[in-house]
Protein backbone atom coordinates (compact mmCIF):
# COMPACT_ATOMS: atom_id res chain seq x y z
CA MET A 1 -13.64 -4.29 7.46
CA VAL A 2 -10.32 -4.77 5.54
CA GLN A 3 -11.11 -3.21 2.32
CA ALA A 4 -8.89 -5.31 -0.13
CA LEU A 5 -8.93 -2.74 -2.90
CA MET A 6 -6.15 -2.21 -5.49
CA ASN A 7 -4.59 1.17 -5.57
CA LEU A 8 -1.89 2.45 -8.16
CA LEU A 9 1.44 -0.01 -8.94
CA SER A 10 3.59 1.29 -12.02
CA LEU A 11 5.90 -0.77 -13.80
CA CYS A 12 8.93 1.10 -15.81
CA PHE A 13 9.90 -0.30 -18.83
CA ARG A 14 13.19 0.65 -20.57
CA PRO A 15 15.75 -0.35 -23.51
CA PHE A 16 19.17 -1.93 -23.54
CA GLY A 17 8.97 1.43 10.28
CA HIS A 18 8.72 1.84 15.05
CA ASP A 19 12.04 1.61 13.27
CA SER A 20 12.27 -0.72 10.55
CA CYS A 21 12.48 -4.53 12.03
CA ILE A 22 15.28 -6.58 10.59
CA CYS A 23 14.48 -9.80 12.58
CA GLY A 24 16.61 -13.06 13.06
CA LYS A 25 19.20 -13.50 10.89
CA PHE A 26 17.73 -11.44 8.35
CA GLU A 27 19.89 -8.89 6.85
CA SER A 28 20.64 -5.34 7.90
CA VAL A 29 21.90 -3.23 4.76
CA GLY A 30 21.48 0.07 3.24
CA ARG A 31 21.43 3.61 4.78
CA GLU A 32 18.38 4.24 6.88
CA GLY A 33 17.35 7.43 8.69
CA LYS A 34 14.83 10.05 9.81
CA ASP A 35 14.16 13.52 8.37
CA GLY A 36 11.59 15.14 10.48
CA LEU A 37 8.16 13.22 9.69
CA LEU A 38 9.98 11.06 7.06
CA TRP A 39 11.60 7.73 7.43
CA TYR A 40 13.59 6.27 5.07
CA ARG A 41 16.01 3.25 3.80
CA ASP A 42 18.01 4.73 0.90
CA ILE A 43 18.78 1.19 -0.57
CA GLY A 44 18.67 -2.32 0.55
CA ARG A 45 19.18 -5.99 -1.09
CA TYR A 46 16.11 -8.19 -1.61
CA GLY A 47 17.07 -11.72 -3.55
CA SER A 48 20.05 -10.06 -4.53
CA ARG A 49 18.61 -7.06 -6.08
CA ASP A 50 18.07 -3.52 -5.08
CA PHE A 51 15.01 -1.95 -3.23
CA SER A 52 14.37 1.55 -1.78
CA MET A 53 11.56 2.61 0.57
CA ALA A 54 10.26 5.76 2.35
CA VAL A 55 7.22 6.95 4.55
CA VAL A 56 6.23 10.36 5.33
CA GLN A 57 3.46 10.93 8.17
CA ALA A 58 0.89 13.54 7.75
CA ASN A 59 -1.73 12.01 10.27
CA GLN A 60 -1.64 12.59 14.24
CA VAL A 61 -0.82 8.38 14.20
CA LEU A 62 0.79 7.28 11.09
CA GLU A 63 -2.05 5.06 9.25
CA ASP A 64 0.19 3.86 6.16
CA GLN A 65 1.79 0.64 7.18
CA SER A 66 3.97 -1.55 4.71
CA GLN A 67 6.64 -4.40 4.39
CA ILE A 68 8.96 -6.34 2.24
CA GLU A 69 9.51 -9.97 2.82
CA SER A 70 12.17 -11.70 0.81
CA GLY A 71 12.90 -15.75 0.88
CA SER A 72 12.94 -18.98 -0.54
CA PHE A 73 9.14 -18.31 -1.15
CA GLY A 74 10.07 -15.06 -3.34
CA THR A 75 9.66 -11.48 -2.74
CA PHE A 76 6.36 -10.31 -1.20
CA VAL A 77 5.52 -6.81 -0.89
CA GLY A 78 2.77 -4.93 1.00
CA VAL A 79 1.47 -1.32 1.14
CA TYR A 80 -1.48 -0.95 3.46
CA ASP A 81 -3.13 2.58 3.52
CA GLY A 82 -5.16 3.02 6.87
CA HIS A 83 -8.24 4.98 6.81
CA GLY A 84 -9.84 6.30 10.06
CA GLY A 85 -6.94 5.32 12.29
CA PRO A 86 -4.19 2.85 12.09
CA ASP A 87 -5.98 -0.47 13.69
CA ALA A 88 -6.84 -2.09 10.45
CA SER A 89 -3.50 -1.39 8.50
CA ARG A 90 -1.26 -2.47 11.63
CA TYR A 91 -3.49 -5.71 11.58
CA VAL A 92 -2.94 -6.38 8.00
CA CYS A 93 0.94 -5.67 8.17
CA ASP A 94 1.09 -8.12 11.06
CA ARG A 95 -1.01 -10.78 9.72
CA LEU A 96 -1.33 -10.97 5.81
CA PHE A 97 2.14 -12.14 5.18
CA ARG A 98 1.63 -14.73 8.08
CA HIS A 99 -1.37 -16.22 6.31
CA PHE A 100 0.35 -15.95 2.99
CA GLN A 101 3.21 -18.28 4.20
CA ALA A 102 0.75 -20.88 5.97
CA MET A 103 -1.20 -21.01 2.74
CA SER A 104 1.92 -21.22 0.71
CA ALA A 105 3.22 -24.09 2.83
CA GLU A 106 -0.22 -26.19 2.53
CA ALA A 107 0.22 -25.65 -1.34
CA GLN A 108 3.73 -27.07 -1.19
CA GLY A 109 5.28 -23.97 -2.31
CA VAL A 110 3.16 -23.45 -5.35
CA LEU A 111 1.90 -19.96 -5.48
CA THR A 112 -1.60 -19.18 -7.09
CA ALA A 113 -4.12 -16.69 -6.81
CA GLU A 114 -6.20 -18.87 -4.82
CA THR A 115 -3.33 -18.87 -2.01
CA ILE A 116 -3.48 -15.13 -2.37
CA GLN A 117 -7.30 -14.93 -2.04
CA ARG A 118 -6.86 -17.25 0.78
CA ALA A 119 -4.63 -15.23 2.64
CA PHE A 120 -6.76 -12.14 2.49
CA HIS A 121 -9.95 -14.19 3.54
CA ALA A 122 -8.08 -15.41 6.79
CA THR A 123 -6.85 -11.86 7.34
CA GLU A 124 -10.46 -10.50 6.95
CA GLU A 125 -12.19 -12.97 9.27
CA GLY A 126 -9.44 -12.24 11.98
CA PHE A 127 -10.19 -8.57 12.02
CA THR A 128 -13.79 -8.77 11.82
CA ALA A 129 -13.66 -11.31 14.66
CA LEU A 130 -11.51 -8.80 16.63
CA VAL A 131 -13.98 -5.86 16.44
CA PRO A 132 -16.55 -7.11 18.64
CA GLU A 133 -13.86 -8.36 20.94
CA SER A 134 -12.57 -5.01 21.33
CA TRP A 135 -15.86 -3.02 21.40
CA ALA A 136 -16.12 -2.56 25.04
CA THR A 137 -12.55 -1.17 25.48
CA HIS A 138 -11.62 0.41 21.84
CA ALA A 139 -14.92 0.84 20.09
CA GLN A 140 -12.96 3.58 17.74
CA ILE A 141 -11.79 -0.08 15.83
CA ALA A 142 -15.19 -0.45 13.86
CA THR A 143 -14.38 2.92 12.10
CA THR A 144 -11.10 1.98 10.80
CA GLY A 145 -10.13 0.20 7.53
CA SER A 146 -7.23 -0.40 4.94
CA CYS A 147 -6.77 -0.28 1.50
CA CYS A 148 -4.16 -3.11 0.23
CA LEU A 149 -1.87 -3.29 -2.11
CA VAL A 150 0.21 -6.45 -2.39
CA GLY A 151 2.74 -7.66 -5.06
CA VAL A 152 4.15 -11.20 -4.96
CA ILE A 153 7.26 -12.07 -7.21
CA PHE A 154 7.47 -15.57 -7.81
CA GLN A 155 9.50 -17.54 -10.46
CA GLN A 156 9.86 -14.54 -13.10
CA THR A 157 6.12 -13.75 -12.32
CA LEU A 158 4.69 -10.72 -10.71
CA PHE A 159 1.04 -11.55 -8.93
CA LYS A 160 -0.54 -8.18 -7.97
CA VAL A 161 -3.55 -7.77 -5.91
CA GLY A 162 -1.70 -4.23 -13.62
CA ASN A 163 8.37 2.91 -27.55
CA ALA A 164 11.80 1.16 -28.23
CA GLY A 165 14.63 3.68 -27.20
CA GLU A 166 12.24 5.76 -24.60
CA ILE A 167 11.05 4.94 -21.09
CA ALA A 168 7.30 4.20 -20.49
CA ALA A 169 5.29 4.25 -17.42
CA ILE A 170 2.74 1.21 -17.52
CA GLN A 171 0.19 1.19 -14.50
CA LEU A 172 -0.43 -2.37 -13.55
CA SER A 173 -3.20 -1.98 -11.05
CA THR A 174 -6.53 -0.15 -11.61
CA GLU A 175 -7.42 2.33 -8.79
CA HIS A 176 -10.95 1.46 -7.00
CA ASN A 177 -12.43 4.67 -6.27
CA ALA A 178 -16.18 5.90 -6.24
CA ASN A 179 -15.31 8.97 -8.11
CA ASN A 180 -14.53 6.84 -11.30
CA GLU A 181 -18.03 6.11 -13.00
CA ALA A 182 -17.30 2.35 -13.57
CA THR A 183 -16.46 1.95 -9.83
CA ARG A 184 -19.59 3.62 -9.07
CA GLN A 185 -21.54 1.33 -11.48
CA GLU A 186 -19.64 -1.93 -10.35
CA LEU A 187 -20.79 -0.99 -6.67
CA MET A 188 -24.46 -0.64 -7.72
CA GLU A 189 -24.51 -3.63 -9.65
CA LEU A 190 -23.35 -5.52 -6.66
CA ASP A 191 -26.06 -4.16 -4.55
CA PRO A 192 -28.82 -3.58 -6.78
CA ASN A 193 -31.48 -3.01 -3.80
CA ASP A 194 -29.51 -0.27 -2.24
CA PRO A 195 -30.35 3.32 -4.33
CA GLN A 196 -27.90 5.01 -1.84
CA ILE A 197 -24.90 2.72 -2.41
CA VAL A 198 -22.77 5.63 -3.51
CA VAL A 199 -23.70 9.18 -2.46
CA LEU A 200 -22.43 12.64 -3.68
CA LYS A 201 -21.16 14.59 -0.77
CA HIS A 202 -19.72 18.06 -1.11
CA GLY A 203 -18.84 17.43 -4.67
CA VAL A 204 -17.22 13.99 -4.19
CA TRP A 205 -18.60 10.63 -4.49
CA ARG A 206 -18.23 8.33 -1.40
CA VAL A 207 -19.54 4.70 -0.26
CA LYS A 208 -22.05 4.86 1.45
CA GLY A 209 -21.50 4.14 5.17
CA ILE A 210 -19.91 7.41 6.53
CA ILE A 211 -19.76 6.87 10.36
CA HIS A 212 -20.76 9.81 12.75
CA VAL A 213 -19.40 9.79 15.89
CA ILE A 214 -22.29 11.67 18.13
CA SER A 215 -20.86 11.97 21.23
CA GLU A 216 -17.29 12.51 22.41
CA THR A 217 -17.96 10.97 25.75
CA GLU A 218 -20.16 8.12 24.69
CA THR A 219 -19.20 6.74 21.35
CA LYS A 220 -22.28 5.85 19.26
CA PHE A 221 -22.15 4.96 15.59
CA ARG A 222 -25.03 5.51 12.89
CA LEU A 223 -26.08 4.69 9.60
CA PRO A 224 -29.09 6.38 7.85
CA GLU A 225 -30.46 2.63 7.45
CA PRO A 226 -29.34 -0.85 8.14
CA MET A 227 -26.93 -2.68 5.84
CA ASN A 228 -28.25 -5.95 4.48
CA MET A 229 -25.22 -7.02 3.18
CA PRO A 230 -21.15 -6.17 3.09
CA ILE A 231 -20.76 -3.02 1.24
CA LEU A 232 -17.11 -3.80 0.33
CA SER A 233 -15.55 -6.81 -0.51
CA ALA A 234 -12.40 -8.45 1.03
CA LYS A 235 -11.99 -10.38 -2.30
CA PRO A 236 -8.70 -9.01 -3.95
CA THR A 237 -8.18 -8.40 -7.83
CA ILE A 238 -5.41 -10.17 -8.83
CA ILE A 239 -3.49 -9.86 -12.01
CA SER A 240 -0.36 -11.89 -13.12
CA HIS A 241 2.45 -10.38 -15.06
CA PRO A 242 5.44 -12.33 -16.40
CA PHE A 243 8.73 -10.31 -16.35
CA GLN A 244 10.00 -9.21 -19.76
CA PRO A 245 13.25 -8.43 -20.60
CA ASN A 246 12.84 -4.68 -20.61
CA ASP A 247 10.94 -4.48 -17.33
CA SER A 248 13.20 -2.48 -15.28
CA PHE A 249 11.55 -1.59 -11.75
CA LEU A 250 8.42 -1.57 -9.97
CA ILE A 251 6.58 1.36 -8.04
CA PHE A 252 4.62 0.43 -5.34
CA ALA A 253 2.80 3.41 -3.36
CA SER A 254 -0.03 4.26 -1.01
CA ASP A 255 -2.54 7.08 -2.42
CA GLY A 256 -1.00 9.77 -0.85
CA LEU A 257 1.76 9.78 -3.55
CA TRP A 258 -0.60 9.33 -6.49
CA GLU A 259 -2.50 12.58 -5.23
CA HIS A 260 0.51 14.63 -6.41
CA SER A 261 2.30 12.55 -8.97
CA SER A 262 1.71 11.16 -12.38
CA ASN A 263 3.04 7.94 -13.35
CA GLU A 264 5.08 9.41 -15.74
CA LYS A 265 6.72 11.88 -13.46
CA ALA A 266 7.43 9.15 -11.15
CA VAL A 267 9.13 7.07 -13.33
CA ASP A 268 11.10 9.53 -14.67
CA ILE A 269 12.47 10.51 -11.50
CA VAL A 270 13.29 6.92 -10.72
CA HIS A 271 14.82 6.25 -13.85
CA SER A 272 16.93 9.49 -14.10
CA HIS A 273 18.75 8.82 -10.71
CA LEU A 274 20.85 6.12 -9.16
CA HIS A 275 18.89 3.45 -7.18
CA ALA A 276 19.79 4.63 -3.84
CA GLY A 277 17.35 7.32 -2.51
CA SER A 278 14.51 6.53 -5.32
CA ALA A 279 11.81 6.21 -2.79
CA LYS A 280 12.79 9.16 -0.67
CA ARG A 281 13.06 11.39 -4.18
CA LEU A 282 9.49 10.33 -5.00
CA VAL A 283 8.25 11.13 -1.72
CA LYS A 284 9.96 14.56 -1.78
CA ALA A 285 8.79 15.69 -5.21
CA ALA A 286 5.03 14.58 -4.07
CA LEU A 287 5.57 17.10 -0.99
CA ARG A 288 6.64 19.77 -3.14
CA GLU A 289 3.85 19.46 -5.54
CA ALA A 290 1.47 19.54 -2.42
CA ALA A 291 3.10 22.62 -1.19
CA ARG A 292 2.89 24.10 -4.77
CA LYS A 293 -0.76 23.54 -4.75
CA ARG A 294 -1.35 25.13 -1.64
CA GLU A 295 0.99 28.28 -2.77
CA MET A 296 3.43 27.64 0.18
CA ARG A 297 7.03 27.07 0.26
CA TYR A 298 8.48 23.33 0.69
CA SER A 299 10.62 24.39 3.70
CA ASP A 300 7.80 25.60 5.29
CA LEU A 301 5.53 22.53 4.39
CA ARG A 302 8.46 20.53 6.32
CA ARG A 303 8.10 22.42 9.27
CA THR A 304 4.33 21.47 9.54
CA ASP A 305 3.72 19.18 12.32
CA LYS A 306 1.89 16.05 12.05
CA LYS A 307 -2.09 16.23 12.09
CA VAL A 308 -1.72 19.69 10.74
CA ARG A 309 -0.05 18.24 7.75
CA ARG A 310 -3.24 16.21 7.00
CA HIS A 311 -4.45 19.51 5.46
CA PHE A 312 -1.78 19.29 2.83
CA HIS A 313 -1.15 15.86 2.05
CA ASP A 314 -1.74 12.15 3.19
CA ASP A 315 0.62 9.51 4.64
CA ILE A 316 2.81 8.88 1.71
CA THR A 317 4.52 5.44 1.29
CA VAL A 318 6.92 4.42 -1.69
CA ILE A 319 8.63 1.23 -2.09
CA VAL A 320 10.70 0.66 -5.46
CA LEU A 321 11.65 -2.56 -6.36
CA PHE A 322 14.72 -2.93 -9.10
CA LEU A 323 14.81 -5.97 -11.17
CA ASN A 324 17.75 -8.35 -11.81
CA HIS A 325 16.72 -10.49 -14.97
CA ASP A 326 19.74 -12.90 -14.77
CA LEU A 327 18.75 -13.85 -11.39
CA LEU A 328 14.96 -13.89 -11.95
CA SER A 329 15.43 -16.26 -14.79
CA LYS A 330 17.56 -18.60 -12.78
CA GLY A 331 15.06 -18.44 -9.88
CA THR A 332 18.13 -17.24 -7.68
CA VAL A 333 18.14 -15.71 -4.04
CA GLN A 334 21.76 -14.97 -3.09
CA ASP A 335 21.13 -12.67 -0.23
CA PRO A 336 20.05 -13.97 3.13
CA PRO A 337 16.17 -13.30 3.70
CA LEU A 338 14.89 -10.03 4.02
CA SER A 339 12.18 -9.00 6.44
CA ILE A 340 11.34 -4.88 6.76
CA ARG A 341 8.56 -2.91 7.86
CA SER A 342 8.08 0.93 7.84
CA ALA A 343 8.63 2.82 11.11
CA LEU A 344 5.12 2.22 12.97
CA GLU A 345 5.21 6.21 13.82
CA HIS A 346 7.37 9.29 14.01
C-alpha cells in the first residue's frame, strides 16, 4: 500500500538518480557527481530558479526515490521514502507525476487539492492492483510501502502533500509518526474496533501490521488477526501556502535527514552558504551527526558499505528549491522544462 504520509518540509524566511535522467529536450544543467554512496546535483535550474539535490544510500538497495518536474504546469517535487524495499517508492516515482499531469489536463490546467488527491488515489489503486499480479513471482512486493512528500508550486502558491532581521525555520508539514501521541490517537479513532491498531514494541510505538517472513524458502506472511479495514489511508494531507516576499527557500527531505538534523540547523546551513552544493552539505552534516552519535569518525562511516550503513543511518534524500519572487509574481518560466530523478542505486 502506498502510505501517503507527510514527513517534514521546512521553509526558510529571511529579510531584505540510475543516474539522474534528463529526458528529451529537457535541460541538463549543473554539476553532477558521485562520492561513494553519495549522489548529488550541486546546482541546477528550474523555472529560472536554482535547485540543489543529493541522495546517500544506506540500504542494500536504495529505497528512497525523488524527482523534480518543472514546466508550464509549475514545479512538482516528490520525495518518496521507501519501506521494506524499493518497489513501492519506485512505483510512485514512475506513476504519481504522470497521474498528476493527467488530472491537471482534465481540469484545464487549474490546480486544486482535489487534483492532487485524485493523482494519489490513482497511484494507490495501480499499486494495489499490481501486488496480486506480482504475487506468484515477487511476493515480497506485498511488504513494501512508501511515505510520500510532494510539493507543487503553482501561481505563487505552494501546495504540499506545512523575527525581523533574523533567519527563521518554519516547518510546513506535520510528521505522521506513531511515536507521537496525537498520531496514535488519530489511528485509534479511525479504527475504534481494533484495540491493537498501534502496539508498543521494544520501546517504540508501531502501527499494527508488522509482517514476518516465516520461511526463507517459502515466503509466507502472517498477522495476529485479520484486518477488517485498511490500516493506513492513501489520502494525503494537503496544505496551501501562498508565498510571501521574505520566503527564501524550501527544503524537501526524507526522514533520514531529520533523524540527525533539526529544522533550525538545516536552514542555517543553507542560509550560510552559496546555493551550489546546498543539498550535499545537508546530507554530509547529517552523516557527521550520525557518526558522532555512534562515537565513530566520519571518515570511517564514509568507508562503511551499503546495508551495513543502515545500522548508522537510513537512506537520505534532500532537495532544496530557491525562490525568485520576481518571476513567481509574473508567473514566468524562462528555462526549458526540467525532468530529473535521483539515481536509482549506487
